[in-house]
Structures are given as C-alpha cells and as structure tokens.
PDB file of N, CA and C in Angstrom:
ATOM      1  N   UNK A   1     106.414 135.814 122.821  1.00  0.00           N
ATOM      2  CA  UNK A   1     105.521 134.925 121.836  1.00  0.00           C
ATOM      3  C   UNK A   1     106.507 134.906 120.430  1.00  0.00           C
ATOM      4  N   UNK A   2     106.247 136.004 120.492  1.00  0.00           N
ATOM      5  CA  UNK A   2     107.831 136.252 119.288  1.00  0.00           C
ATOM      6  C   UNK A   2     109.036 136.142 119.720  1.00  0.00           C
ATOM      7  N   UNK A   3     109.226 136.351 121.069  1.00  0.00           N
ATOM      8  CA  UNK A   3     110.713 135.981 121.137  1.00  0.00           C
ATOM      9  C   UNK A   3     110.533 134.173 121.356  1.00  0.00           C
ATOM     10  N   UNK A   4     110.024 133.824 121.934  1.00  0.00           N
ATOM     11  CA  UNK A   4     109.941 132.001 122.095  1.00  0.00           C
ATOM     12  C   UNK A   4     109.633 131.773 120.855  1.00  0.00           C
ATOM     13  N   UNK A   5     109.075 132.336 120.088  1.00  0.00           N
ATOM     14  CA  UNK A   5     108.905 131.233 118.460  1.00  0.00           C
ATOM     15  C   UNK A   5     110.401 131.518 118.068  1.00  0.00           C
ATOM     16  N   UNK A   6     111.166 133.139 118.333  1.00  0.00           N
ATOM     17  CA  UNK A   6     112.307 132.920 117.235  1.00  0.00           C
ATOM     18  C   UNK A   6     113.540 131.649 117.830  1.00  0.00           C
ATOM     19  N   UNK A   7     112.974 131.318 119.041  1.00  0.00           N
ATOM     20  CA  UNK A   7     114.505 130.861 120.509  1.00  0.00           C
ATOM     21  C   UNK A   7     114.319 129.176 120.015  1.00  0.00           C
ATOM     22  N   UNK A   8     113.147 128.956 119.994  1.00  0.00           N
ATOM     23  CA  UNK A   8     112.651 127.652 119.450  1.00  0.00           C
ATOM     24  C   UNK A   8     113.080 127.209 117.750  1.00  0.00           C
ATOM     25  N   UNK A   9     112.748 128.522 116.447  1.00  0.00           N
ATOM     26  CA  UNK A   9     113.217 127.862 116.345  1.00  0.00           C
ATOM     27  C   UNK A   9     114.891 127.926 115.374  1.00  0.00           C
ATOM     28  N   UNK A  10     115.372 128.675 115.741  1.00  0.00           N
ATOM     29  CA  UNK A  10     116.905 128.697 116.060  1.00  0.00           C
ATOM     30  C   UNK A  10     117.353 127.651 117.142  1.00  0.00           C
ATOM     31  N   UNK A  11     116.946 127.566 118.522  1.00  0.00           N
ATOM     32  CA  UNK A  11     118.217 126.942 118.908  1.00  0.00           C
ATOM     33  C   UNK A  11     117.340 126.229 120.212  1.00  0.00           C
ATOM     34  N   UNK A  12     116.621 125.704 120.242  1.00  0.00           N
ATOM     35  CA  UNK A  12     114.710 124.788 120.845  1.00  0.00           C
ATOM     36  C   UNK A  12     114.982 123.443 119.315  1.00  0.00           C
ATOM     37  N   UNK A  13     113.386 122.840 119.268  1.00  0.00           N
ATOM     38  CA  UNK A  13     113.523 122.188 118.817  1.00  0.00           C
ATOM     39  C   UNK A  13     113.148 121.967 117.119  1.00  0.00           C
ATOM     40  N   UNK A  14     112.764 123.263 117.264  1.00  0.00           N
ATOM     41  CA  UNK A  14     112.934 123.814 115.083  1.00  0.00           C
ATOM     42  C   UNK A  14     114.271 123.576 114.962  1.00  0.00           C
ATOM     43  N   UNK A  15     115.361 124.550 115.701  1.00  0.00           N
ATOM     44  CA  UNK A  15     116.506 124.715 115.481  1.00  0.00           C
ATOM     45  C   UNK A  15     117.176 123.535 115.035  1.00  0.00           C
ATOM     46  N   UNK A  16     117.050 122.860 115.986  1.00  0.00           N
ATOM     47  CA  UNK A  16     117.894 121.821 116.644  1.00  0.00           C
ATOM     48  C   UNK A  16     117.622 120.708 115.635  1.00  0.00           C
ATOM     49  N   UNK A  17     116.327 120.511 115.212  1.00  0.00           N
ATOM     50  CA  UNK A  17     116.230 119.168 113.717  1.00  0.00           C
ATOM     51  C   UNK A  17     116.809 120.082 112.984  1.00  0.00           C
ATOM     52  N   UNK A  18     116.492 121.485 112.331  1.00  0.00           N
ATOM     53  CA  UNK A  18     117.045 121.815 110.841  1.00  0.00           C
ATOM     54  C   UNK A  18     118.432 121.945 110.808  1.00  0.00           C
ATOM     55  N   UNK A  19     118.931 122.024 112.219  1.00  0.00           N
ATOM     56  CA  UNK A  19     120.774 121.738 112.150  1.00  0.00           C
ATOM     57  C   UNK A  19     120.977 120.411 111.509  1.00  0.00           C
ATOM     58  N   UNK A  20     120.733 119.370 112.509  1.00  0.00           N
ATOM     59  CA  UNK A  20     120.537 117.595 111.948  1.00  0.00           C
ATOM     60  C   UNK A  20     120.051 117.071 110.776  1.00  0.00           C
ATOM     61  N   UNK A  21     118.807 117.820 110.498  1.00  0.00           N
ATOM     62  CA  UNK A  21     118.733 117.177 109.214  1.00  0.00           C
ATOM     63  C   UNK A  21     118.876 117.421 108.160  1.00  0.00           C
ATOM     64  N   UNK A  22     119.650 118.993 108.479  1.00  0.00           N
ATOM     65  CA  UNK A  22     120.324 119.708 106.680  1.00  0.00           C
ATOM     66  C   UNK A  22     121.515 118.822 106.170  1.00  0.00           C
ATOM     67  N   UNK A  23     122.557 118.512 107.838  1.00  0.00           N
ATOM     68  CA  UNK A  23     123.221 117.970 107.893  1.00  0.00           C
ATOM     69  C   UNK A  23     123.575 117.211 106.327  1.00  0.00           C
ATOM     70  N   UNK A  24     121.813 115.987 106.117  1.00  0.00           N
ATOM     71  CA  UNK A  24     121.730 115.075 105.512  1.00  0.00           C
ATOM     72  C   UNK A  24     122.014 114.565 104.109  1.00  0.00           C
ATOM     73  N   UNK A  25     122.239 114.065 102.649  1.00  0.00           N
ATOM     74  CA  UNK A  25     122.188 114.401 101.631  1.00  0.00           C
ATOM     75  C   UNK A  25     120.261 113.953 101.379  1.00  0.00           C
ATOM     76  N   UNK A  26     119.819 114.390 100.771  1.00  0.00           N
ATOM     77  CA  UNK A  26     118.112 114.043 100.574  1.00  0.00           C
ATOM     78  C   UNK A  26     117.035 114.013 101.400  1.00  0.00           C
ATOM     79  N   UNK A  27     118.104 115.356 102.241  1.00  0.00           N
ATOM     80  CA  UNK A  27     116.334 115.744 102.339  1.00  0.00           C
ATOM     81  C   UNK A  27     116.260 116.791 101.935  1.00  0.00           C
ATOM     82  N   UNK A  28     114.794 117.039 101.093  1.00  0.00           N
ATOM     83  CA  UNK A  28     114.213 118.475 100.944  1.00  0.00           C
ATOM     84  C   UNK A  28     113.754 119.770 101.518  1.00  0.00           C
ATOM     85  N   UNK A  29     112.986 117.983 102.360  1.00  0.00           N
ATOM     86  CA  UNK A  29     112.672 119.380 103.550  1.00  0.00           C
ATOM     87  C   UNK A  29     111.565 118.156 104.735  1.00  0.00           C
ATOM     88  N   UNK A  30     110.860 119.245 105.855  1.00  0.00           N
ATOM     89  CA  UNK A  30     111.153 118.333 106.896  1.00  0.00           C
ATOM     90  C   UNK A  30     109.980 118.899 107.665  1.00  0.00           C
ATOM     91  N   UNK A  31     109.278 118.151 108.740  1.00  0.00           N
ATOM     92  CA  UNK A  31     107.759 119.104 108.965  1.00  0.00           C
ATOM     93  C   UNK A  31     107.956 118.387 110.483  1.00  0.00           C
ATOM     94  N   UNK A  32     107.483 119.498 111.243  1.00  0.00           N
ATOM     95  CA  UNK A  32     107.428 118.581 112.792  1.00  0.00           C
ATOM     96  C   UNK A  32     105.522 118.840 112.498  1.00  0.00           C
ATOM     97  N   UNK A  33     104.891 117.593 113.439  1.00  0.00           N
ATOM     98  CA  UNK A  33     103.112 117.092 113.385  1.00  0.00           C
ATOM     99  C   UNK A  33     102.753 116.460 114.905  1.00  0.00           C
ATOM    100  N   UNK A  34     101.988 116.152 114.632  1.00  0.00           N
ATOM    101  CA  UNK A  34     101.472 115.886 115.447  1.00  0.00           C
ATOM    102  C   UNK A  34     101.343 117.230 117.225  1.00  0.00           C
ATOM    103  N   UNK A  35     101.199 116.170 117.916  1.00  0.00           N
ATOM    104  CA  UNK A  35     100.880 117.035 119.228  1.00  0.00           C
ATOM    105  C   UNK A  35     101.927 118.760 119.105  1.00  0.00           C
ATOM    106  N   UNK A  36     103.317 118.528 119.474  1.00  0.00           N
ATOM    107  CA  UNK A  36     104.621 119.209 119.540  1.00  0.00           C
ATOM    108  C   UNK A  36     103.958 119.922 118.283  1.00  0.00           C
ATOM    109  N   UNK A  37     103.229 119.972 117.359  1.00  0.00           N
ATOM    110  CA  UNK A  37     102.615 120.997 116.569  1.00  0.00           C
ATOM    111  C   UNK A  37     101.718 121.836 116.386  1.00  0.00           C
ATOM    112  N   UNK A  38     101.133 121.026 117.615  1.00  0.00           N
ATOM    113  CA  UNK A  38      99.239 121.667 117.883  1.00  0.00           C
ATOM    114  C   UNK A  38      99.902 122.894 118.887  1.00  0.00           C
ATOM    115  N   UNK A  39     100.957 122.346 119.805  1.00  0.00           N
ATOM    116  CA  UNK A  39     100.852 123.173 120.741  1.00  0.00           C
ATOM    117  C   UNK A  39     101.720 124.822 120.393  1.00  0.00           C
ATOM    118  N   UNK A  40     102.392 123.690 119.526  1.00  0.00           N
ATOM    119  CA  UNK A  40     103.538 125.291 118.453  1.00  0.00           C
ATOM    120  C   UNK A  40     102.122 126.415 118.206  1.00  0.00           C
ATOM    121  N   UNK A  41     100.952 125.434 117.680  1.00  0.00           N
ATOM    122  CA  UNK A  41     100.456 127.110 116.930  1.00  0.00           C
ATOM    123  C   UNK A  41      99.120 127.477 117.521  1.00  0.00           C
ATOM    124  N   UNK A  42      99.232 126.487 119.176  1.00  0.00           N
ATOM    125  CA  UNK A  42      98.776 127.560 119.910  1.00  0.00           C
ATOM    126  C   UNK A  42      97.191 126.381 120.313  1.00  0.00           C
ATOM    127  N   UNK A  43      97.141 125.157 119.755  1.00  0.00           N
ATOM    128  CA  UNK A  43      95.933 124.575 120.766  1.00  0.00           C
ATOM    129  C   UNK A  43      96.468 124.334 121.687  1.00  0.00           C
ATOM    130  N   UNK A  44      95.621 124.733 122.640  1.00  0.00           N
ATOM    131  CA  UNK A  44      95.668 123.892 124.300  1.00  0.00           C
ATOM    132  C   UNK A  44      95.887 122.115 124.321  1.00  0.00           C
ATOM    133  N   UNK A  45      96.448 122.441 125.316  1.00  0.00           N
ATOM    134  CA  UNK A  45      96.791 121.140 126.081  1.00  0.00           C
ATOM    135  C   UNK A  45      97.857 120.239 126.557  1.00  0.00           C
ATOM    136  N   UNK A  46      98.756 119.358 127.105  1.00  0.00           N
ATOM    137  CA  UNK A  46      99.306 118.921 127.535  1.00  0.00           C
ATOM    138  C   UNK A  46     100.585 119.096 126.814  1.00  0.00           C
ATOM    139  N   UNK A  47     101.786 119.032 127.456  1.00  0.00           N
ATOM    140  CA  UNK A  47     102.985 119.527 127.158  1.00  0.00           C
ATOM    141  C   UNK A  47     103.744 118.113 126.671  1.00  0.00           C
ATOM    142  N   UNK A  48     103.677 118.012 124.730  1.00  0.00           N
ATOM    143  CA  UNK A  48     104.618 117.091 124.179  1.00  0.00           C
ATOM    144  C   UNK A  48     105.208 116.161 125.124  1.00  0.00           C
ATOM    145  N   UNK A  49     105.478 114.803 125.115  1.00  0.00           N
ATOM    146  CA  UNK A  49     106.229 114.387 125.413  1.00  0.00           C
ATOM    147  C   UNK A  49     107.569 113.178 124.042  1.00  0.00           C
ATOM    148  N   UNK A  50     106.955 113.522 123.189  1.00  0.00           N
ATOM    149  CA  UNK A  50     108.195 113.410 122.467  1.00  0.00           C
ATOM    150  C   UNK A  50     107.467 114.870 120.984  1.00  0.00           C
ATOM    151  N   UNK A  51     108.537 114.730 119.966  1.00  0.00           N
ATOM    152  CA  UNK A  51     108.754 115.333 119.091  1.00  0.00           C
ATOM    153  C   UNK A  51     108.051 114.416 117.519  1.00  0.00           C
ATOM    154  N   UNK A  52     107.215 114.672 116.060  1.00  0.00           N
ATOM    155  CA  UNK A  52     106.855 113.658 115.255  1.00  0.00           C
ATOM    156  C   UNK A  52     107.608 114.595 114.183  1.00  0.00           C
ATOM    157  N   UNK A  53     108.455 113.372 113.504  1.00  0.00           N
ATOM    158  CA  UNK A  53     108.886 114.615 112.124  1.00  0.00           C
ATOM    159  C   UNK A  53     108.708 113.842 110.805  1.00  0.00           C
ATOM    160  N   UNK A  54     108.088 114.836 109.855  1.00  0.00           N
ATOM    161  CA  UNK A  54     108.078 114.193 108.281  1.00  0.00           C
ATOM    162  C   UNK A  54     108.960 114.534 107.219  1.00  0.00           C
ATOM    163  N   UNK A  55     110.114 113.312 107.088  1.00  0.00           N
ATOM    164  CA  UNK A  55     111.020 113.968 106.116  1.00  0.00           C
ATOM    165  C   UNK A  55     110.618 113.358 104.927  1.00  0.00           C
ATOM    166  N   UNK A  56     110.992 114.145 104.112  1.00  0.00           N
ATOM    167  CA  UNK A  56     110.502 114.194 102.315  1.00  0.00           C
ATOM    168  C   UNK A  56     111.906 113.984 101.197  1.00  0.00           C
ATOM    169  N   UNK A  57     112.454 113.791 100.714  1.00  0.00           N
ATOM    170  CA  UNK A  57     113.981 113.280  99.893  1.00  0.00           C
ATOM    171  C   UNK A  57     114.016 111.788 100.030  1.00  0.00           C
ATOM    172  N   UNK A  58     115.459 112.232  99.600  1.00  0.00           N
ATOM    173  CA  UNK A  58     115.238 109.908  99.195  1.00  0.00           C
ATOM    174  C   UNK A  58     116.910 109.852 100.682  1.00  0.00           C
ATOM    175  N   UNK A  59     117.333 110.282 101.728  1.00  0.00           N
ATOM    176  CA  UNK A  59     117.617 109.927 102.903  1.00  0.00           C
ATOM    177  C   UNK A  59     117.104 108.453 103.264  1.00  0.00           C
ATOM    178  N   UNK A  60     117.189 108.282 104.215  1.00  0.00           N
ATOM    179  CA  UNK A  60     117.235 106.687 104.247  1.00  0.00           C
ATOM    180  C   UNK A  60     116.133 107.142 105.861  1.00  0.00           C
ATOM    181  N   UNK A  61     115.896 105.906 106.054  1.00  0.00           N
ATOM    182  CA  UNK A  61     115.092 106.493 107.741  1.00  0.00           C
ATOM    183  C   UNK A  61     115.969 106.213 109.153  1.00  0.00           C
ATOM    184  N   UNK A  62     117.141 105.093 108.331  1.00  0.00           N
ATOM    185  CA  UNK A  62     118.149 104.948 109.311  1.00  0.00           C
ATOM    186  C   UNK A  62     119.497 106.156 109.398  1.00  0.00           C
ATOM    187  N   UNK A  63     118.987 106.714 108.375  1.00  0.00           N
ATOM    188  CA  UNK A  63     119.364 108.435 108.668  1.00  0.00           C
ATOM    189  C   UNK A  63     119.102 109.235 109.455  1.00  0.00           C
ATOM    190  N   UNK A  64     118.181 109.285 109.340  1.00  0.00           N
ATOM    191  CA  UNK A  64     117.265 110.179 109.274  1.00  0.00           C
ATOM    192  C   UNK A  64     117.541 109.841 111.807  1.00  0.00           C
ATOM    193  N   UNK A  65     117.668 108.889 111.423  1.00  0.00           N
ATOM    194  CA  UNK A  65     116.956 108.898 112.926  1.00  0.00           C
ATOM    195  C   UNK A  65     118.762 109.114 113.146  1.00  0.00           C
ATOM    196  N   UNK A  66     119.619 108.423 113.226  1.00  0.00           N
ATOM    197  CA  UNK A  66     120.292 109.007 113.845  1.00  0.00           C
ATOM    198  C   UNK A  66     120.694 110.406 113.553  1.00  0.00           C
ATOM    199  N   UNK A  67     120.623 111.034 113.108  1.00  0.00           N
ATOM    200  CA  UNK A  67     121.376 112.266 113.107  1.00  0.00           C
ATOM    201  C   UNK A  67     119.793 112.934 114.159  1.00  0.00           C
ATOM    202  N   UNK A  68     119.077 112.350 114.283  1.00  0.00           N
ATOM    203  CA  UNK A  68     117.976 112.591 115.455  1.00  0.00           C
ATOM    204  C   UNK A  68     117.901 112.924 116.588  1.00  0.00           C
ATOM    205  N   UNK A  69     119.017 111.799 116.723  1.00  0.00           N
ATOM    206  CA  UNK A  69     119.502 110.781 118.252  1.00  0.00           C
ATOM    207  C   UNK A  69     120.753 112.714 119.523  1.00  0.00           C
ATOM    208  N   UNK A  70     120.832 112.625 118.564  1.00  0.00           N
ATOM    209  CA  UNK A  70     121.710 113.653 119.481  1.00  0.00           C
ATOM    210  C   UNK A  70     120.521 115.047 120.049  1.00  0.00           C
ATOM    211  N   UNK A  71     119.498 115.376 119.130  1.00  0.00           N
ATOM    212  CA  UNK A  71     118.811 116.118 119.083  1.00  0.00           C
ATOM    213  C   UNK A  71     117.781 115.427 120.707  1.00  0.00           C
ATOM    214  N   UNK A  72     117.239 114.461 120.748  1.00  0.00           N
ATOM    215  CA  UNK A  72     116.579 114.019 121.190  1.00  0.00           C
ATOM    216  C   UNK A  72     117.767 113.539 122.863  1.00  0.00           C
ATOM    217  N   UNK A  73     118.547 113.367 122.631  1.00  0.00           N
ATOM    218  CA  UNK A  73     119.705 113.520 123.813  1.00  0.00           C
ATOM    219  C   UNK A  73     120.450 115.210 124.209  1.00  0.00           C
ATOM    220  N   UNK A  74     120.116 115.928 123.111  1.00  0.00           N
ATOM    221  CA  UNK A  74     120.609 117.357 123.938  1.00  0.00           C
ATOM    222  C   UNK A  74     119.308 117.809 124.990  1.00  0.00           C
ATOM    223  N   UNK A  75     118.376 117.848 124.265  1.00  0.00           N
ATOM    224  CA  UNK A  75     116.939 118.198 124.857  1.00  0.00           C
ATOM    225  C   UNK A  75     116.208 117.121 125.355  1.00  0.00           C
ATOM    226  N   UNK A  76     116.609 116.533 125.658  1.00  0.00           N
ATOM    227  CA  UNK A  76     115.738 114.988 126.388  1.00  0.00           C
ATOM    228  C   UNK A  76     113.987 115.153 126.079  1.00  0.00           C
ATOM    229  N   UNK A  77     114.198 114.393 124.472  1.00  0.00           N
ATOM    230  CA  UNK A  77     112.428 114.674 123.967  1.00  0.00           C
ATOM    231  C   UNK A  77     112.408 113.128 123.610  1.00  0.00           C
ATOM    232  N   UNK A  78     111.663 112.645 122.831  1.00  0.00           N
ATOM    233  CA  UNK A  78     111.951 111.403 121.692  1.00  0.00           C
ATOM    234  C   UNK A  78     111.847 112.040 120.852  1.00  0.00           C
ATOM    235  N   UNK A  79     112.942 111.202 119.741  1.00  0.00           N
ATOM    236  CA  UNK A  79     111.818 112.059 118.668  1.00  0.00           C
ATOM    237  C   UNK A  79     111.398 110.343 117.154  1.00  0.00           C
ATOM    238  N   UNK A  80     109.963 110.888 116.498  1.00  0.00           N
ATOM    239  CA  UNK A  80     110.760 109.609 116.208  1.00  0.00           C
ATOM    240  C   UNK A  80     110.230 110.231 114.645  1.00  0.00           C
ATOM    241  N   UNK A  81     110.917 109.758 113.832  1.00  0.00           N
ATOM    242  CA  UNK A  81     110.905 110.309 112.187  1.00  0.00           C
ATOM    243  C   UNK A  81     110.125 109.598 111.138  1.00  0.00           C
ATOM    244  N   UNK A  82     109.371 109.697 110.805  1.00  0.00           N
ATOM    245  CA  UNK A  82     109.218 109.121 109.302  1.00  0.00           C
ATOM    246  C   UNK A  82     109.491 109.583 108.115  1.00  0.00           C
ATOM    247  N   UNK A  83     109.916 108.974 107.194  1.00  0.00           N
ATOM    248  CA  UNK A  83     110.401 109.561 105.608  1.00  0.00           C
ATOM    249  C   UNK A  83     109.643 109.383 104.565  1.00  0.00           C
ATOM    250  N   UNK A  84     109.588 110.554 103.516  1.00  0.00           N
ATOM    251  CA  UNK A  84     108.586 110.433 102.639  1.00  0.00           C
ATOM    252  C   UNK A  84     109.745 109.887 101.089  1.00  0.00           C
ATOM    253  N   UNK A  85     109.307 109.420 100.033  1.00  0.00           N
ATOM    254  CA  UNK A  85     109.562 110.252  98.929  1.00  0.00           C
ATOM    255  C   UNK A  85     109.492 111.326  98.469  1.00  0.00           C
ATOM    256  N   UNK A  86     109.739 112.228  97.622  1.00  0.00           N
ATOM    257  CA  UNK A  86     109.267 113.523  97.350  1.00  0.00           C
ATOM    258  C   UNK A  86     107.498 113.084  96.221  1.00  0.00           C
ATOM    259  N   UNK A  87     107.941 111.905  95.930  1.00  0.00           N
ATOM    260  CA  UNK A  87     106.385 111.316  94.758  1.00  0.00           C
ATOM    261  C   UNK A  87     105.196 111.066  95.604  1.00  0.00           C
ATOM    262  N   UNK A  88     105.595 110.483  97.022  1.00  0.00           N
ATOM    263  CA  UNK A  88     104.705 109.593  97.754  1.00  0.00           C
ATOM    264  C   UNK A  88     104.571 111.113  98.356  1.00  0.00           C
ATOM    265  N   UNK A  89     104.870 112.445  98.786  1.00  0.00           N
ATOM    266  CA  UNK A  89     104.796 113.364  99.679  1.00  0.00           C
ATOM    267  C   UNK A  89     103.932 114.011  98.602  1.00  0.00           C
ATOM    268  N   UNK A  90     104.000 114.437  96.741  1.00  0.00           N
ATOM    269  CA  UNK A  90     103.561 114.890  96.180  1.00  0.00           C
ATOM    270  C   UNK A  90     102.458 114.527  95.516  1.00  0.00           C
ATOM    271  N   UNK A  91     102.290 112.992  95.843  1.00  0.00           N
ATOM    272  CA  UNK A  91     101.064 112.288  94.886  1.00  0.00           C
ATOM    273  C   UNK A  91      99.807 113.028  94.966  1.00  0.00           C
ATOM    274  N   UNK A  92      98.865 113.456  94.071  1.00  0.00           N
ATOM    275  CA  UNK A  92      97.880 114.060  94.031  1.00  0.00           C
ATOM    276  C   UNK A  92      96.659 113.278  94.578  1.00  0.00           C
ATOM    277  N   UNK A  93      96.550 111.766  95.074  1.00  0.00           N
ATOM    278  CA  UNK A  93      95.693 110.867  95.868  1.00  0.00           C
ATOM    279  C   UNK A  93      96.743 110.755  97.463  1.00  0.00           C
ATOM    280  N   UNK A  94      97.229 111.112  98.058  1.00  0.00           N
ATOM    281  CA  UNK A  94      98.505 110.152  98.843  1.00  0.00           C
ATOM    282  C   UNK A  94      98.047 109.551  99.145  1.00  0.00           C
ATOM    283  N   UNK A  95      98.844 108.981 100.211  1.00  0.00           N
ATOM    284  CA  UNK A  95      98.237 107.603 101.225  1.00  0.00           C
ATOM    285  C   UNK A  95      98.026 108.594 102.463  1.00  0.00           C
ATOM    286  N   UNK A  96      96.849 107.262 102.834  1.00  0.00           N
ATOM    287  CA  UNK A  96      95.481 107.561 103.725  1.00  0.00           C
ATOM    288  C   UNK A  96      96.732 108.530 105.278  1.00  0.00           C
ATOM    289  N   UNK A  97      97.951 107.740 105.367  1.00  0.00           N
ATOM    290  CA  UNK A  97      98.314 108.052 106.217  1.00  0.00           C
ATOM    291  C   UNK A  97      98.784 109.961 106.421  1.00  0.00           C
ATOM    292  N   UNK A  98      98.887 110.229 105.151  1.00  0.00           N
ATOM    293  CA  UNK A  98     100.247 111.221 104.733  1.00  0.00           C
ATOM    294  C   UNK A  98      99.222 112.181 104.462  1.00  0.00           C
ATOM    295  N   UNK A  99      98.045 112.356 104.060  1.00  0.00           N
ATOM    296  CA  UNK A  99      96.444 112.945 104.534  1.00  0.00           C
ATOM    297  C   UNK A  99      96.181 112.957 105.301  1.00  0.00           C
ATOM    298  N   UNK A 100      96.175 112.441 106.995  1.00  0.00           N
ATOM    299  CA  UNK A 100      95.533 112.988 107.945  1.00  0.00           C
ATOM    300  C   UNK A 100      96.817 113.653 108.414  1.00  0.00           C
ATOM    301  N   UNK A 101      97.841 113.561 108.064  1.00  0.00           N
ATOM    302  CA  UNK A 101      98.940 114.525 108.859  1.00  0.00           C
ATOM    303  C   UNK A 101      99.127 115.405 107.498  1.00  0.00           C
ATOM    304  N   UNK A 102      98.992 115.990 106.720  1.00  0.00           N
ATOM    305  CA  UNK A 102      98.525 117.029 106.004  1.00  0.00           C
ATOM    306  C   UNK A 102      97.429 117.953 106.983  1.00  0.00           C
ATOM    307  N   UNK A 103      96.775 116.816 107.456  1.00  0.00           N
ATOM    308  CA  UNK A 103      94.997 117.680 107.925  1.00  0.00           C
ATOM    309  C   UNK A 103      95.227 118.743 108.963  1.00  0.00           C
ATOM    310  N   UNK A 104      96.293 118.055 109.636  1.00  0.00           N
ATOM    311  CA  UNK A 104      96.451 118.312 111.258  1.00  0.00           C
ATOM    312  C   UNK A 104      97.563 119.479 110.828  1.00  0.00           C
ATOM    313  N   UNK A 105      97.805 120.100 111.732  1.00  0.00           N
ATOM    314  CA  UNK A 105      99.072 120.587 112.584  1.00  0.00           C
ATOM    315  C   UNK A 105     100.093 120.796 111.359  1.00  0.00           C
ATOM    316  N   UNK A 106     101.050 121.109 110.741  1.00  0.00           N
ATOM    317  CA  UNK A 106     102.694 121.093 110.153  1.00  0.00           C
ATOM    318  C   UNK A 106     103.453 122.203 110.451  1.00  0.00           C
ATOM    319  N   UNK A 107     104.307 121.941 110.399  1.00  0.00           N
ATOM    320  CA  UNK A 107     105.142 122.718 110.823  1.00  0.00           C
ATOM    321  C   UNK A 107     106.651 122.956 110.107  1.00  0.00           C
ATOM    322  N   UNK A 108     107.148 124.035 109.408  1.00  0.00           N
ATOM    323  CA  UNK A 108     108.185 123.322 108.154  1.00  0.00           C
ATOM    324  C   UNK A 108     109.581 123.747 109.645  1.00  0.00           C
ATOM    325  N   UNK A 109     110.267 122.582 109.601  1.00  0.00           N
ATOM    326  CA  UNK A 109     112.023 122.846 110.513  1.00  0.00           C
ATOM    327  C   UNK A 109     112.493 123.606 108.746  1.00  0.00           C
ATOM    328  N   UNK A 110     113.072 124.862 109.698  1.00  0.00           N
ATOM    329  CA  UNK A 110     113.462 125.709 108.788  1.00  0.00           C
ATOM    330  C   UNK A 110     115.074 124.365 108.408  1.00  0.00           C
ATOM    331  N   UNK A 111     115.439 124.042 107.471  1.00  0.00           N
ATOM    332  CA  UNK A 111     116.971 123.370 106.609  1.00  0.00           C
ATOM    333  C   UNK A 111     117.829 124.735 106.217  1.00  0.00           C
ATOM    334  N   UNK A 112     119.326 124.711 107.310  1.00  0.00           N
ATOM    335  CA  UNK A 112     120.237 125.244 106.023  1.00  0.00           C
ATOM    336  C   UNK A 112     120.586 125.241 105.115  1.00  0.00           C
ATOM    337  N   UNK A 113     120.455 126.364 104.326  1.00  0.00           N
ATOM    338  CA  UNK A 113     121.232 125.350 102.498  1.00  0.00           C
ATOM    339  C   UNK A 113     122.812 125.885 102.630  1.00  0.00           C
ATOM    340  N   UNK A 114     123.787 125.334 102.327  1.00  0.00           N
ATOM    341  CA  UNK A 114     124.423 125.748 101.105  1.00  0.00           C
ATOM    342  C   UNK A 114     125.015 127.271 100.762  1.00  0.00           C
ATOM    343  N   UNK A 115     125.232 127.957 101.303  1.00  0.00           N
ATOM    344  CA  UNK A 115     125.485 129.348 100.368  1.00  0.00           C
ATOM    345  C   UNK A 115     125.623 129.349  99.215  1.00  0.00           C
TER     346      UNK A 115
END
C-alpha cells in the first residue's frame, strides 16, 4: 500500500498533475476531489473514469486545462479542472460548491517548487 501511494504521488496521477500544474504561474495549491480522491483514500467502489481537480490561485481555466492535456493523453484518463481564487477558496462562508467539495475526500497534489 505504501509503495502504491509513493508511485501514485511521484509518477502516477498525483505526480503527473503536480508536475504539469507546478509549471504554471499563479497556482497556489491543487487538489483532487470526487471519486478518484475517494478511492485513493480507501472508499470502496468502481475505478474512477476521470480525475476532478480543484486549482487555487490566479491561473486561468484555459491555462489549467492546457496543462492537464498531457496528463490526460499519457495516463488515458479525463481530467476535469475547476479554478478558484485564493479568496473564494478561503472565504469564511464559501460558495456551496466549494463547501461540498471540501466536505468530501480531498487529496492535495504535490506541486514542485523552485529551490
């Protein structure tokens, strides 16, 4: 289980998304949510057919979609990104969608940062 988690974070979905999104200016944080996050955290169910990604920052949705295209192609899985500003994500009374998103499994995508 630990080896699988390490591979997922480095060369699998999380690692590949981290590399792709880490190259974009304005990405403060990124998370996987939905069925992929549920399976990753141990919830039973069928293998996910896609990956839902929440990006926090100032990057535009088209930029994020472009960054995710290589991951989609290489891993043969659809990536569905949404983008929120820092203020939207951190609001004390968040948008109902953000509130619902946060109430379920949320897996942080490790973003490589320049040294």
